[in-house]
Amino acid sequence: MEKEPLIKLPWRGRETIESIPLLLEGAQRIEITLPSNYNHALFETLHPGEPPAQLEEIDAAGGPELLAHIAAVSGLEEFRLLTGPLTAARARVRVSSPAKVFIILPGANLKSNERIIHPEAGE
């Protein structure tokens, strides 16, 4: 079975979090688009101590432990539930602006032409 290069998911809270472990086997990367109002809170959480006039551009990467930082943001607490499954899958995590969380699985080809999957559209 060939893995899908990219699966895009809109943020729907617990529903989104619960769908991810099932997708890990068949994906190279998973992108979760959060509502734009999370950008400020994520920036504050991931870049504490930055000056108030700082451009709130997020680009943080790491292992699944990065999800513990994301889970500190009100409304995103359930990201903590993914730490175990992502650690077992040896996944990497990246958070960027505008408010997106990327889950990158081993062997992901980041430069390939990507087919975007929209599960809500039945693809």
PDB file of N, CA and C in Angstrom:
ATOM      1  N   MET A   1       0.839  -1.176   0.000  1.00  0.00           N
ATOM      2  CA  MET A   1       0.000   0.000   0.000  1.00  0.00           C
ATOM      3  C   MET A   1       0.884   1.240   0.000  1.00  0.00           C
ATOM      4  N   GLU A   2       0.645   2.130  -0.934  1.00  0.00           N
ATOM      5  CA  GLU A   2       1.411   3.363  -1.015  1.00  0.00           C
ATOM      6  C   GLU A   2       0.815   4.395  -0.069  1.00  0.00           C
ATOM      7  N   LYS A   3       1.681   5.078   0.663  1.00  0.00           N
ATOM      8  CA  LYS A   3       1.220   6.085   1.615  1.00  0.00           C
ATOM      9  C   LYS A   3       0.856   7.379   0.892  1.00  0.00           C
ATOM     10  N   GLU A   4      -0.160   8.053   1.387  1.00  0.00           N
ATOM     11  CA  GLU A   4      -0.546   9.350   0.840  1.00  0.00           C
ATOM     12  C   GLU A   4       0.499  10.380   1.246  1.00  0.00           C
ATOM     13  N   PRO A   5       0.956  11.234   0.319  1.00  0.00           N
ATOM     14  CA  PRO A   5       1.968  12.223   0.656  1.00  0.00           C
ATOM     15  C   PRO A   5       1.511  13.222   1.718  1.00  0.00           C
ATOM     16  N   LEU A   6       0.268  13.664   1.633  1.00  0.00           N
ATOM     17  CA  LEU A   6      -0.211  14.673   2.567  1.00  0.00           C
ATOM     18  C   LEU A   6      -1.698  14.494   2.804  1.00  0.00           C
ATOM     19  N   ILE A   7      -2.060  14.472   4.065  1.00  0.00           N
ATOM     20  CA  ILE A   7      -3.475  14.461   4.450  1.00  0.00           C
ATOM     21  C   ILE A   7      -3.715  15.751   5.213  1.00  0.00           C
ATOM     22  N   LYS A   8      -4.684  16.543   4.754  1.00  0.00           N
ATOM     23  CA  LYS A   8      -5.026  17.807   5.409  1.00  0.00           C
ATOM     24  C   LYS A   8      -6.306  17.632   6.208  1.00  0.00           C
ATOM     25  N   LEU A   9      -6.255  18.107   7.451  1.00  0.00           N
ATOM     26  CA  LEU A   9      -7.419  18.019   8.332  1.00  0.00           C
ATOM     27  C   LEU A   9      -7.753  19.395   8.896  1.00  0.00           C
ATOM     28  N   PRO A  10      -9.014  19.766   8.900  1.00  0.00           N
ATOM     29  CA  PRO A  10      -9.406  20.986   9.608  1.00  0.00           C
ATOM     30  C   PRO A  10      -9.515  20.668  11.097  1.00  0.00           C
ATOM     31  N   TRP A  11      -9.349  21.663  11.929  1.00  0.00           N
ATOM     32  CA  TRP A  11      -9.449  21.466  13.376  1.00  0.00           C
ATOM     33  C   TRP A  11     -10.905  21.316  13.782  1.00  0.00           C
ATOM     34  N   ARG A  12     -11.224  20.172  14.368  1.00  0.00           N
ATOM     35  CA  ARG A  12     -12.560  19.918  14.909  1.00  0.00           C
ATOM     36  C   ARG A  12     -12.446  19.343  16.313  1.00  0.00           C
ATOM     37  N   GLY A  13     -11.426  19.781  17.033  1.00  0.00           N
ATOM     38  CA  GLY A  13     -11.254  19.366  18.413  1.00  0.00           C
ATOM     39  C   GLY A  13     -10.970  17.889  18.555  1.00  0.00           C
ATOM     40  N   ARG A  14     -11.642  17.275  19.494  1.00  0.00           N
ATOM     41  CA  ARG A  14     -11.417  15.862  19.822  1.00  0.00           C
ATOM     42  C   ARG A  14     -11.594  14.956  18.602  1.00  0.00           C
ATOM     43  N   GLU A  15     -12.528  15.289  17.738  1.00  0.00           N
ATOM     44  CA  GLU A  15     -12.764  14.489  16.526  1.00  0.00           C
ATOM     45  C   GLU A  15     -11.489  14.418  15.676  1.00  0.00           C
ATOM     46  N   THR A  16     -10.803  15.529  15.530  1.00  0.00           N
ATOM     47  CA  THR A  16      -9.559  15.559  14.761  1.00  0.00           C
ATOM     48  C   THR A  16      -8.486  14.723  15.447  1.00  0.00           C
ATOM     49  N   ILE A  17      -8.315  14.924  16.743  1.00  0.00           N
ATOM     50  CA  ILE A  17      -7.299  14.193  17.510  1.00  0.00           C
ATOM     51  C   ILE A  17      -7.541  12.685  17.423  1.00  0.00           C
ATOM     52  N   GLU A  18      -8.781  12.257  17.570  1.00  0.00           N
ATOM     53  CA  GLU A  18      -9.100  10.826  17.533  1.00  0.00           C
ATOM     54  C   GLU A  18      -8.891  10.207  16.156  1.00  0.00           C
ATOM     55  N   SER A  19      -8.953  11.000  15.096  1.00  0.00           N
ATOM     56  CA  SER A  19      -8.774  10.454  13.747  1.00  0.00           C
ATOM     57  C   SER A  19      -7.305  10.222  13.398  1.00  0.00           C
ATOM     58  N   ILE A  20      -6.396  10.884  14.062  1.00  0.00           N
ATOM     59  CA  ILE A  20      -4.990  10.850  13.669  1.00  0.00           C
ATOM     60  C   ILE A  20      -4.330   9.483  13.848  1.00  0.00           C
ATOM     61  N   PRO A  21      -4.476   8.780  14.979  1.00  0.00           N
ATOM     62  CA  PRO A  21      -3.821   7.471  15.083  1.00  0.00           C
ATOM     63  C   PRO A  21      -4.187   6.519  13.945  1.00  0.00           C
ATOM     64  N   LEU A  22      -5.421   6.584  13.465  1.00  0.00           N
ATOM     65  CA  LEU A  22      -5.845   5.721  12.359  1.00  0.00           C
ATOM     66  C   LEU A  22      -5.190   6.109  11.035  1.00  0.00           C
ATOM     67  N   LEU A  23      -4.790   7.369  10.910  1.00  0.00           N
ATOM     68  CA  LEU A  23      -4.197   7.860   9.666  1.00  0.00           C
ATOM     69  C   LEU A  23      -2.681   7.667   9.607  1.00  0.00           C
ATOM     70  N   LEU A  24      -2.049   7.417  10.739  1.00  0.00           N
ATOM     71  CA  LEU A  24      -0.585   7.345  10.790  1.00  0.00           C
ATOM     72  C   LEU A  24      -0.017   6.270   9.864  1.00  0.00           C
ATOM     73  N   GLU A  25      -0.696   5.160   9.751  1.00  0.00           N
ATOM     74  CA  GLU A  25      -0.206   4.042   8.940  1.00  0.00           C
ATOM     75  C   GLU A  25      -0.193   4.372   7.457  1.00  0.00           C
ATOM     76  N   GLY A  26      -1.134   5.192   6.998  1.00  0.00           N
ATOM     77  CA  GLY A  26      -1.271   5.433   5.562  1.00  0.00           C
ATOM     78  C   GLY A  26      -0.836   6.797   5.086  1.00  0.00           C
ATOM     79  N   ALA A  27      -0.117   7.556   5.913  1.00  0.00           N
ATOM     80  CA  ALA A  27       0.258   8.911   5.521  1.00  0.00           C
ATOM     81  C   ALA A  27       1.760   9.125   5.642  1.00  0.00           C
ATOM     82  N   GLN A  28       2.265  10.055   4.836  1.00  0.00           N
ATOM     83  CA  GLN A  28       3.638  10.530   5.004  1.00  0.00           C
ATOM     84  C   GLN A  28       3.640  11.766   5.903  1.00  0.00           C
ATOM     85  N   ARG A  29       2.646  12.621   5.672  1.00  0.00           N
ATOM     86  CA  ARG A  29       2.503  13.824   6.486  1.00  0.00           C
ATOM     87  C   ARG A  29       1.025  14.095   6.726  1.00  0.00           C
ATOM     88  N   ILE A  30       0.749  14.677   7.885  1.00  0.00           N
ATOM     89  CA  ILE A  30      -0.610  15.099   8.225  1.00  0.00           C
ATOM     90  C   ILE A  30      -0.527  16.564   8.606  1.00  0.00           C
ATOM     91  N   GLU A  31      -1.388  17.357   8.026  1.00  0.00           N
ATOM     92  CA  GLU A  31      -1.432  18.794   8.316  1.00  0.00           C
ATOM     93  C   GLU A  31      -2.760  19.105   8.985  1.00  0.00           C
ATOM     94  N   ILE A  32      -2.697  19.736  10.156  1.00  0.00           N
ATOM     95  CA  ILE A  32      -3.900  20.141  10.878  1.00  0.00           C
ATOM     96  C   ILE A  32      -3.954  21.655  10.848  1.00  0.00           C
ATOM     97  N   THR A  33      -4.992  22.195  10.237  1.00  0.00           N
ATOM     98  CA  THR A  33      -5.164  23.641  10.155  1.00  0.00           C
ATOM     99  C   THR A  33      -6.039  24.093  11.312  1.00  0.00           C
ATOM    100  N   LEU A  34      -5.449  24.919  12.169  1.00  0.00           N
ATOM    101  CA  LEU A  34      -6.173  25.454  13.319  1.00  0.00           C
ATOM    102  C   LEU A  34      -6.822  26.776  12.944  1.00  0.00           C
ATOM    103  N   PRO A  35      -7.867  27.190  13.647  1.00  0.00           N
ATOM    104  CA  PRO A  35      -8.436  28.515  13.405  1.00  0.00           C
ATOM    105  C   PRO A  35      -7.360  29.583  13.643  1.00  0.00           C
ATOM    106  N   SER A  36      -7.405  30.649  12.860  1.00  0.00           N
ATOM    107  CA  SER A  36      -6.361  31.687  12.923  1.00  0.00           C
ATOM    108  C   SER A  36      -6.250  32.342  14.296  1.00  0.00           C
ATOM    109  N   ASN A  37      -7.311  32.309  15.090  1.00  0.00           N
ATOM    110  CA  ASN A  37      -7.241  32.951  16.400  1.00  0.00           C
ATOM    111  C   ASN A  37      -6.311  32.211  17.361  1.00  0.00           C
ATOM    112  N   TYR A  38      -5.815  31.025  16.994  1.00  0.00           N
ATOM    113  CA  TYR A  38      -4.850  30.315  17.828  1.00  0.00           C
ATOM    114  C   TYR A  38      -3.415  30.787  17.604  1.00  0.00           C
ATOM    115  N   ASN A  39      -3.152  31.509  16.536  1.00  0.00           N
ATOM    116  CA  ASN A  39      -1.780  31.891  16.214  1.00  0.00           C
ATOM    117  C   ASN A  39      -1.119  32.659  17.359  1.00  0.00           C
ATOM    118  N   HIS A  40      -1.805  33.648  17.912  1.00  0.00           N
ATOM    119  CA  HIS A  40      -1.224  34.456  18.993  1.00  0.00           C
ATOM    120  C   HIS A  40      -0.904  33.590  20.211  1.00  0.00           C
ATOM    121  N   ALA A  41      -1.840  32.766  20.634  1.00  0.00           N
ATOM    122  CA  ALA A  41      -1.622  31.921  21.819  1.00  0.00           C
ATOM    123  C   ALA A  41      -0.494  30.919  21.584  1.00  0.00           C
ATOM    124  N   LEU A  42      -0.419  30.346  20.392  1.00  0.00           N
ATOM    125  CA  LEU A  42       0.673  29.431  20.084  1.00  0.00           C
ATOM    126  C   LEU A  42       2.016  30.146  20.094  1.00  0.00           C
ATOM    127  N   PHE A  43       2.043  31.342  19.522  1.00  0.00           N
ATOM    128  CA  PHE A  43       3.293  32.108  19.514  1.00  0.00           C
ATOM    129  C   PHE A  43       3.749  32.393  20.943  1.00  0.00           C
ATOM    130  N   GLU A  44       2.829  32.854  21.769  1.00  0.00           N
ATOM    131  CA  GLU A  44       3.157  33.156  23.172  1.00  0.00           C
ATOM    132  C   GLU A  44       3.663  31.917  23.906  1.00  0.00           C
ATOM    133  N   THR A  45       3.075  30.773  23.623  1.00  0.00           N
ATOM    134  CA  THR A  45       3.454  29.526  24.287  1.00  0.00           C
ATOM    135  C   THR A  45       4.808  29.015  23.798  1.00  0.00           C
ATOM    136  N   LEU A  46       5.035  29.078  22.498  1.00  0.00           N
ATOM    137  CA  LEU A  46       6.259  28.522  21.921  1.00  0.00           C
ATOM    138  C   LEU A  46       7.441  29.492  21.942  1.00  0.00           C
ATOM    139  N   HIS A  47       7.160  30.776  22.100  1.00  0.00           N
ATOM    140  CA  HIS A  47       8.217  31.795  22.114  1.00  0.00           C
ATOM    141  C   HIS A  47       8.039  32.720  23.308  1.00  0.00           C
ATOM    142  N   PRO A  48       8.116  32.177  24.524  1.00  0.00           N
ATOM    143  CA  PRO A  48       7.915  33.030  25.699  1.00  0.00           C
ATOM    144  C   PRO A  48       9.029  34.081  25.806  1.00  0.00           C
ATOM    145  N   GLY A  49       8.652  35.240  26.267  1.00  0.00           N
ATOM    146  CA  GLY A  49       9.639  36.289  26.472  1.00  0.00           C
ATOM    147  C   GLY A  49       9.960  37.121  25.250  1.00  0.00           C
ATOM    148  N   GLU A  50       9.315  36.859  24.124  1.00  0.00           N
ATOM    149  CA  GLU A  50       9.551  37.687  22.934  1.00  0.00           C
ATOM    150  C   GLU A  50       8.963  39.078  23.169  1.00  0.00           C
ATOM    151  N   PRO A  51       9.571  40.117  22.604  1.00  0.00           N
ATOM    152  CA  PRO A  51       9.050  41.475  22.789  1.00  0.00           C
ATOM    153  C   PRO A  51       7.624  41.610  22.252  1.00  0.00           C
ATOM    154  N   PRO A  52       6.809  42.470  22.886  1.00  0.00           N
ATOM    155  CA  PRO A  52       5.405  42.630  22.473  1.00  0.00           C
ATOM    156  C   PRO A  52       5.229  43.045  21.014  1.00  0.00           C
ATOM    157  N   ALA A  53       6.160  43.776  20.455  1.00  0.00           N
ATOM    158  CA  ALA A  53       6.024  44.246  19.077  1.00  0.00           C
ATOM    159  C   ALA A  53       6.536  43.224  18.062  1.00  0.00           C
ATOM    160  N   GLN A  54       6.954  42.072  18.542  1.00  0.00           N
ATOM    161  CA  GLN A  54       7.510  41.019  17.698  1.00  0.00           C
ATOM    162  C   GLN A  54       6.467  40.516  16.698  1.00  0.00           C
ATOM    163  N   LEU A  55       6.900  40.319  15.441  1.00  0.00           N
ATOM    164  CA  LEU A  55       6.035  39.687  14.450  1.00  0.00           C
ATOM    165  C   LEU A  55       5.763  38.261  14.918  1.00  0.00           C
ATOM    166  N   GLU A  56       4.525  37.860  14.994  1.00  0.00           N
ATOM    167  CA  GLU A  56       4.159  36.558  15.539  1.00  0.00           C
ATOM    168  C   GLU A  56       4.209  35.476  14.470  1.00  0.00           C
ATOM    169  N   GLU A  57       5.411  35.190  14.018  1.00  0.00           N
ATOM    170  CA  GLU A  57       5.660  34.166  13.022  1.00  0.00           C
ATOM    171  C   GLU A  57       6.159  32.914  13.734  1.00  0.00           C
ATOM    172  N   ILE A  58       5.424  31.815  13.596  1.00  0.00           N
ATOM    173  CA  ILE A  58       5.771  30.570  14.284  1.00  0.00           C
ATOM    174  C   ILE A  58       6.469  29.630  13.309  1.00  0.00           C
ATOM    175  N   ASP A  59       7.581  29.065  13.755  1.00  0.00           N
ATOM    176  CA  ASP A  59       8.254  27.998  13.029  1.00  0.00           C
ATOM    177  C   ASP A  59       9.029  27.188  14.062  1.00  0.00           C
ATOM    178  N   ALA A  60       8.350  26.225  14.674  1.00  0.00           N
ATOM    179  CA  ALA A  60       8.948  25.396  15.717  1.00  0.00           C
ATOM    180  C   ALA A  60       8.861  23.940  15.273  1.00  0.00           C
ATOM    181  N   ALA A  61       9.917  23.185  15.545  1.00  0.00           N
ATOM    182  CA  ALA A  61       9.933  21.774  15.164  1.00  0.00           C
ATOM    183  C   ALA A  61      10.552  20.960  16.281  1.00  0.00           C
ATOM    184  N   GLY A  62      10.151  19.710  16.357  1.00  0.00           N
ATOM    185  CA  GLY A  62      10.691  18.817  17.367  1.00  0.00           C
ATOM    186  C   GLY A  62       9.986  17.480  17.322  1.00  0.00           C
ATOM    187  N   GLY A  63      10.140  16.750  18.383  1.00  0.00           N
ATOM    188  CA  GLY A  63       9.479  15.460  18.493  1.00  0.00           C
ATOM    189  C   GLY A  63       8.077  15.633  19.049  1.00  0.00           C
ATOM    190  N   PRO A  64       7.421  14.532  19.334  1.00  0.00           N
ATOM    191  CA  PRO A  64       6.061  14.579  19.873  1.00  0.00           C
ATOM    192  C   PRO A  64       5.941  15.370  21.173  1.00  0.00           C
ATOM    193  N   GLU A  65       7.046  15.548  21.904  1.00  0.00           N
ATOM    194  CA  GLU A  65       6.992  16.337  23.137  1.00  0.00           C
ATOM    195  C   GLU A  65       6.591  17.790  22.869  1.00  0.00           C
ATOM    196  N   LEU A  66       6.747  18.263  21.637  1.00  0.00           N
ATOM    197  CA  LEU A  66       6.297  19.605  21.270  1.00  0.00           C
ATOM    198  C   LEU A  66       4.783  19.733  21.470  1.00  0.00           C
ATOM    199  N   LEU A  67       4.067  18.627  21.370  1.00  0.00           N
ATOM    200  CA  LEU A  67       2.619  18.653  21.565  1.00  0.00           C
ATOM    201  C   LEU A  67       2.236  19.027  22.993  1.00  0.00           C
ATOM    202  N   ALA A  68       3.103  18.738  23.961  1.00  0.00           N
ATOM    203  CA  ALA A  68       2.824  19.133  25.348  1.00  0.00           C
ATOM    204  C   ALA A  68       2.780  20.654  25.456  1.00  0.00           C
ATOM    205  N   HIS A  69       3.621  21.338  24.698  1.00  0.00           N
ATOM    206  CA  HIS A  69       3.593  22.809  24.696  1.00  0.00           C
ATOM    207  C   HIS A  69       2.312  23.313  24.038  1.00  0.00           C
ATOM    208  N   ILE A  70       1.949  22.709  22.916  1.00  0.00           N
ATOM    209  CA  ILE A  70       0.718  23.095  22.222  1.00  0.00           C
ATOM    210  C   ILE A  70      -0.487  22.866  23.126  1.00  0.00           C
ATOM    211  N   ALA A  71      -0.473  21.763  23.867  1.00  0.00           N
ATOM    212  CA  ALA A  71      -1.594  21.406  24.746  1.00  0.00           C
ATOM    213  C   ALA A  71      -1.770  22.386  25.900  1.00  0.00           C
ATOM    214  N   ALA A  72      -0.804  23.260  26.129  1.00  0.00           N
ATOM    215  CA  ALA A  72      -0.933  24.283  27.174  1.00  0.00           C
ATOM    216  C   ALA A  72      -1.869  25.412  26.751  1.00  0.00           C
ATOM    217  N   VAL A  73      -2.190  25.482  25.463  1.00  0.00           N
ATOM    218  CA  VAL A  73      -3.082  26.514  24.942  1.00  0.00           C
ATOM    219  C   VAL A  73      -4.528  26.078  25.179  1.00  0.00           C
ATOM    220  N   SER A  74      -5.318  26.964  25.745  1.00  0.00           N
ATOM    221  CA  SER A  74      -6.724  26.672  26.004  1.00  0.00           C
ATOM    222  C   SER A  74      -7.438  26.288  24.705  1.00  0.00           C
ATOM    223  N   GLY A  75      -8.104  25.150  24.720  1.00  0.00           N
ATOM    224  CA  GLY A  75      -8.809  24.645  23.551  1.00  0.00           C
ATOM    225  C   GLY A  75      -8.014  23.622  22.761  1.00  0.00           C
ATOM    226  N   LEU A  76      -6.704  23.492  23.054  1.00  0.00           N
ATOM    227  CA  LEU A  76      -5.857  22.542  22.337  1.00  0.00           C
ATOM    228  C   LEU A  76      -5.304  21.458  23.265  1.00  0.00           C
ATOM    229  N   GLU A  77      -5.884  21.341  24.440  1.00  0.00           N
ATOM    230  CA  GLU A  77      -5.393  20.406  25.451  1.00  0.00           C
ATOM    231  C   GLU A  77      -5.312  18.961  24.949  1.00  0.00           C
ATOM    232  N   GLU A  78      -6.173  18.587  24.043  1.00  0.00           N
ATOM    233  CA  GLU A  78      -6.240  17.194  23.601  1.00  0.00           C
ATOM    234  C   GLU A  78      -5.065  16.777  22.724  1.00  0.00           C
ATOM    235  N   PHE A  79      -4.242  17.734  22.286  1.00  0.00           N
ATOM    236  CA  PHE A  79      -3.036  17.365  21.545  1.00  0.00           C
ATOM    237  C   PHE A  79      -2.141  16.468  22.401  1.00  0.00           C
ATOM    238  N   ARG A  80      -2.252  16.581  23.699  1.00  0.00           N
ATOM    239  CA  ARG A  80      -1.458  15.752  24.610  1.00  0.00           C
ATOM    240  C   ARG A  80      -1.721  14.258  24.363  1.00  0.00           C
ATOM    241  N   LEU A  81      -2.927  13.913  23.929  1.00  0.00           N
ATOM    242  CA  LEU A  81      -3.287  12.516  23.672  1.00  0.00           C
ATOM    243  C   LEU A  81      -2.495  11.891  22.524  1.00  0.00           C
ATOM    244  N   LEU A  82      -1.891  12.718  21.682  1.00  0.00           N
ATOM    245  CA  LEU A  82      -1.149  12.200  20.531  1.00  0.00           C
ATOM    246  C   LEU A  82       0.308  11.880  20.837  1.00  0.00           C
ATOM    247  N   THR A  83       0.801  12.296  21.999  1.00  0.00           N
ATOM    248  CA  THR A  83       2.211  12.105  22.314  1.00  0.00           C
ATOM    249  C   THR A  83       2.622  10.643  22.209  1.00  0.00           C
ATOM    250  N   GLY A  84       1.870   9.744  22.809  1.00  0.00           N
ATOM    251  CA  GLY A  84       2.193   8.312  22.770  1.00  0.00           C
ATOM    252  C   GLY A  84       2.175   7.737  21.360  1.00  0.00           C
ATOM    253  N   PRO A  85       1.058   7.889  20.622  1.00  0.00           N
ATOM    254  CA  PRO A  85       1.015   7.332  19.265  1.00  0.00           C
ATOM    255  C   PRO A  85       2.088   7.901  18.337  1.00  0.00           C
ATOM    256  N   LEU A  86       2.388   9.188  18.466  1.00  0.00           N
ATOM    257  CA  LEU A  86       3.398   9.786  17.590  1.00  0.00           C
ATOM    258  C   LEU A  86       4.805   9.347  17.971  1.00  0.00           C
ATOM    259  N   THR A  87       5.035   9.135  19.258  1.00  0.00           N
ATOM    260  CA  THR A  87       6.334   8.617  19.698  1.00  0.00           C
ATOM    261  C   THR A  87       6.523   7.205  19.148  1.00  0.00           C
ATOM    262  N   ALA A  88       5.496   6.375  19.248  1.00  0.00           N
ATOM    263  CA  ALA A  88       5.568   5.009  18.734  1.00  0.00           C
ATOM    264  C   ALA A  88       5.791   4.989  17.220  1.00  0.00           C
ATOM    265  N   ALA A  89       5.237   5.967  16.511  1.00  0.00           N
ATOM    266  CA  ALA A  89       5.372   6.041  15.055  1.00  0.00           C
ATOM    267  C   ALA A  89       6.674   6.733  14.632  1.00  0.00           C
ATOM    268  N   ARG A  90       7.470   7.194  15.610  1.00  0.00           N
ATOM    269  CA  ARG A  90       8.720   7.930  15.357  1.00  0.00           C
ATOM    270  C   ARG A  90       8.481   9.170  14.498  1.00  0.00           C
ATOM    271  N   ALA A  91       7.365   9.832  14.752  1.00  0.00           N
ATOM    272  CA  ALA A  91       6.987  11.020  13.992  1.00  0.00           C
ATOM    273  C   ALA A  91       7.684  12.261  14.532  1.00  0.00           C
ATOM    274  N   ARG A  92       7.784  13.261  13.678  1.00  0.00           N
ATOM    275  CA  ARG A  92       8.277  14.588  14.047  1.00  0.00           C
ATOM    276  C   ARG A  92       7.080  15.530  13.976  1.00  0.00           C
ATOM    277  N   VAL A  93       7.186  16.649  14.672  1.00  0.00           N
ATOM    278  CA  VAL A  93       6.098  17.628  14.708  1.00  0.00           C
ATOM    279  C   VAL A  93       6.663  18.995  14.336  1.00  0.00           C
ATOM    280  N   ARG A  94       5.891  19.736  13.570  1.00  0.00           N
ATOM    281  CA  ARG A  94       6.263  21.111  13.225  1.00  0.00           C
ATOM    282  C   ARG A  94       5.027  21.977  13.397  1.00  0.00           C
ATOM    283  N   VAL A  95       5.223  23.158  13.963  1.00  0.00           N
ATOM    284  CA  VAL A  95       4.142  24.128  14.135  1.00  0.00           C
ATOM    285  C   VAL A  95       4.560  25.374  13.382  1.00  0.00           C
ATOM    286  N   SER A  96       3.652  25.926  12.564  1.00  0.00           N
ATOM    287  CA  SER A  96       3.990  27.102  11.781  1.00  0.00           C
ATOM    288  C   SER A  96       2.817  28.068  11.712  1.00  0.00           C
ATOM    289  N   SER A  97       3.121  29.261  11.243  1.00  0.00           N
ATOM    290  CA  SER A  97       2.084  30.268  10.992  1.00  0.00           C
ATOM    291  C   SER A  97       1.695  30.163   9.534  1.00  0.00           C
ATOM    292  N   PRO A  98       0.440  30.362   9.247  1.00  0.00           N
ATOM    293  CA  PRO A  98      -0.693  30.604  10.132  1.00  0.00           C
ATOM    294  C   PRO A  98      -1.163  29.314  10.792  1.00  0.00           C
ATOM    295  N   ALA A  99      -1.124  29.255  12.080  1.00  0.00           N
ATOM    296  CA  ALA A  99      -1.634  28.208  12.975  1.00  0.00           C
ATOM    297  C   ALA A  99      -1.860  26.847  12.332  1.00  0.00           C
ATOM    298  N   LYS A 100      -0.761  26.151  12.028  1.00  0.00           N
ATOM    299  CA  LYS A 100      -0.841  24.797  11.483  1.00  0.00           C
ATOM    300  C   LYS A 100       0.094  23.892  12.261  1.00  0.00           C
ATOM    301  N   VAL A 101      -0.330  22.639  12.398  1.00  0.00           N
ATOM    302  CA  VAL A 101       0.481  21.601  13.027  1.00  0.00           C
ATOM    303  C   VAL A 101       0.711  20.527  11.978  1.00  0.00           C
ATOM    304  N   PHE A 102       1.982  20.193  11.748  1.00  0.00           N
ATOM    305  CA  PHE A 102       2.355  19.153  10.794  1.00  0.00           C
ATOM    306  C   PHE A 102       2.889  17.957  11.562  1.00  0.00           C
ATOM    307  N   ILE A 103       2.443  16.782  11.191  1.00  0.00           N
ATOM    308  CA  ILE A 103       2.977  15.534  11.717  1.00  0.00           C
ATOM    309  C   ILE A 103       3.710  14.891  10.549  1.00  0.00           C
ATOM    310  N   ILE A 104       5.007  14.677  10.723  1.00  0.00           N
ATOM    311  CA  ILE A 104       5.842  14.164   9.646  1.00  0.00           C
ATOM    312  C   ILE A 104       6.329  12.780  10.050  1.00  0.00           C
ATOM    313  N   LEU A 105       5.982  11.812   9.245  1.00  0.00           N
ATOM    314  CA  LEU A 105       6.308  10.416   9.549  1.00  0.00           C
ATOM    315  C   LEU A 105       7.619  10.015   8.875  1.00  0.00           C
ATOM    316  N   PRO A 106       8.302   9.013   9.438  1.00  0.00           N
ATOM    317  CA  PRO A 106       9.571   8.575   8.852  1.00  0.00           C
ATOM    318  C   PRO A 106       9.398   8.208   7.375  1.00  0.00           C
ATOM    319  N   GLY A 107      10.371   8.601   6.578  1.00  0.00           N
ATOM    320  CA  GLY A 107      10.335   8.289   5.157  1.00  0.00           C
ATOM    321  C   GLY A 107       9.522   9.260   4.331  1.00  0.00           C
ATOM    322  N   ALA A 108       9.022  10.331   4.934  1.00  0.00           N
ATOM    323  CA  ALA A 108       8.215  11.298   4.189  1.00  0.00           C
ATOM    324  C   ALA A 108       9.074  11.983   3.135  1.00  0.00           C
ATOM    325  N   ASN A 109       8.559  12.051   1.927  1.00  0.00           N
ATOM    326  CA  ASN A 109       9.222  12.756   0.850  1.00  0.00           C
ATOM    327  C   ASN A 109       8.649  14.160   0.817  1.00  0.00           C
ATOM    328  N   LEU A 110       9.377  15.119   1.362  1.00  0.00           N
ATOM    329  CA  LEU A 110       8.849  16.471   1.530  1.00  0.00           C
ATOM    330  C   LEU A 110       8.892  17.292   0.256  1.00  0.00           C
ATOM    331  N   LYS A 111       9.527  16.803  -0.800  1.00  0.00           N
ATOM    332  CA  LYS A 111       9.627  17.591  -2.018  1.00  0.00           C
ATOM    333  C   LYS A 111       8.789  17.042  -3.167  1.00  0.00           C
ATOM    334  N   SER A 112       8.035  15.998  -2.907  1.00  0.00           N
ATOM    335  CA  SER A 112       7.251  15.402  -3.987  1.00  0.00           C
ATOM    336  C   SER A 112       6.022  16.247  -4.293  1.00  0.00           C
ATOM    337  N   ASN A 113       5.456  16.024  -5.481  1.00  0.00           N
ATOM    338  CA  ASN A 113       4.161  16.631  -5.774  1.00  0.00           C
ATOM    339  C   ASN A 113       3.165  16.005  -4.833  1.00  0.00           C
ATOM    340  N   GLU A 114       2.443  16.823  -4.137  1.00  0.00           N
ATOM    341  CA  GLU A 114       1.566  16.315  -3.099  1.00  0.00           C
ATOM    342  C   GLU A 114       0.122  16.258  -3.576  1.00  0.00           C
ATOM    343  N   ARG A 115      -0.502  15.151  -3.300  1.00  0.00           N
ATOM    344  CA  ARG A 115      -1.933  15.025  -3.515  1.00  0.00           C
ATOM    345  C   ARG A 115      -2.585  15.343  -2.185  1.00  0.00           C
ATOM    346  N   ILE A 116      -3.458  16.294  -2.172  1.00  0.00           N
ATOM    347  CA  ILE A 116      -4.089  16.726  -0.937  1.00  0.00           C
ATOM    348  C   ILE A 116      -5.387  15.965  -0.742  1.00  0.00           C
ATOM    349  N   ILE A 117      -5.534  15.401   0.433  1.00  0.00           N
ATOM    350  CA  ILE A 117      -6.724  14.624   0.775  1.00  0.00           C
ATOM    351  C   ILE A 117      -7.604  15.471   1.693  1.00  0.00           C
ATOM    352  N   HIS A 118      -8.861  15.572   1.386  1.00  0.00           N
ATOM    353  CA  HIS A 118      -9.813  16.281   2.223  1.00  0.00           C
ATOM    354  C   HIS A 118     -10.868  15.278   2.668  1.00  0.00           C
ATOM    355  N   PRO A 119     -10.667  14.653   3.860  1.00  0.00           N
ATOM    356  CA  PRO A 119     -11.610  13.603   4.289  1.00  0.00           C
ATOM    357  C   PRO A 119     -13.056  14.077   4.356  1.00  0.00           C
ATOM    358  N   GLU A 120     -13.281  15.338   4.681  1.00  0.00           N
ATOM    359  CA  GLU A 120     -14.663  15.810   4.786  1.00  0.00           C
ATOM    360  C   GLU A 120     -15.358  15.858   3.436  1.00  0.00           C
ATOM    361  N   ALA A 121     -14.578  15.835   2.349  1.00  0.00           N
ATOM    362  CA  ALA A 121     -15.157  15.854   1.016  1.00  0.00           C
ATOM    363  C   ALA A 121     -15.352  14.435   0.466  1.00  0.00           C
ATOM    364  N   GLY A 122     -15.006  13.437   1.288  1.00  0.00           N
ATOM    365  CA  GLY A 122     -15.200  12.055   0.880  1.00  0.00           C
ATOM    366  C   GLY A 122     -14.105  11.515  -0.008  1.00  0.00           C
ATOM    367  N   GLU A 123     -12.958  12.190  -0.072  1.00  0.00           N
ATOM    368  CA  GLU A 123     -11.855  11.711  -0.894  1.00  0.00           C
ATOM    369  C   GLU A 123     -11.053  10.675  -0.159  1.00  0.00           C
TER     370      GLU A 123
END
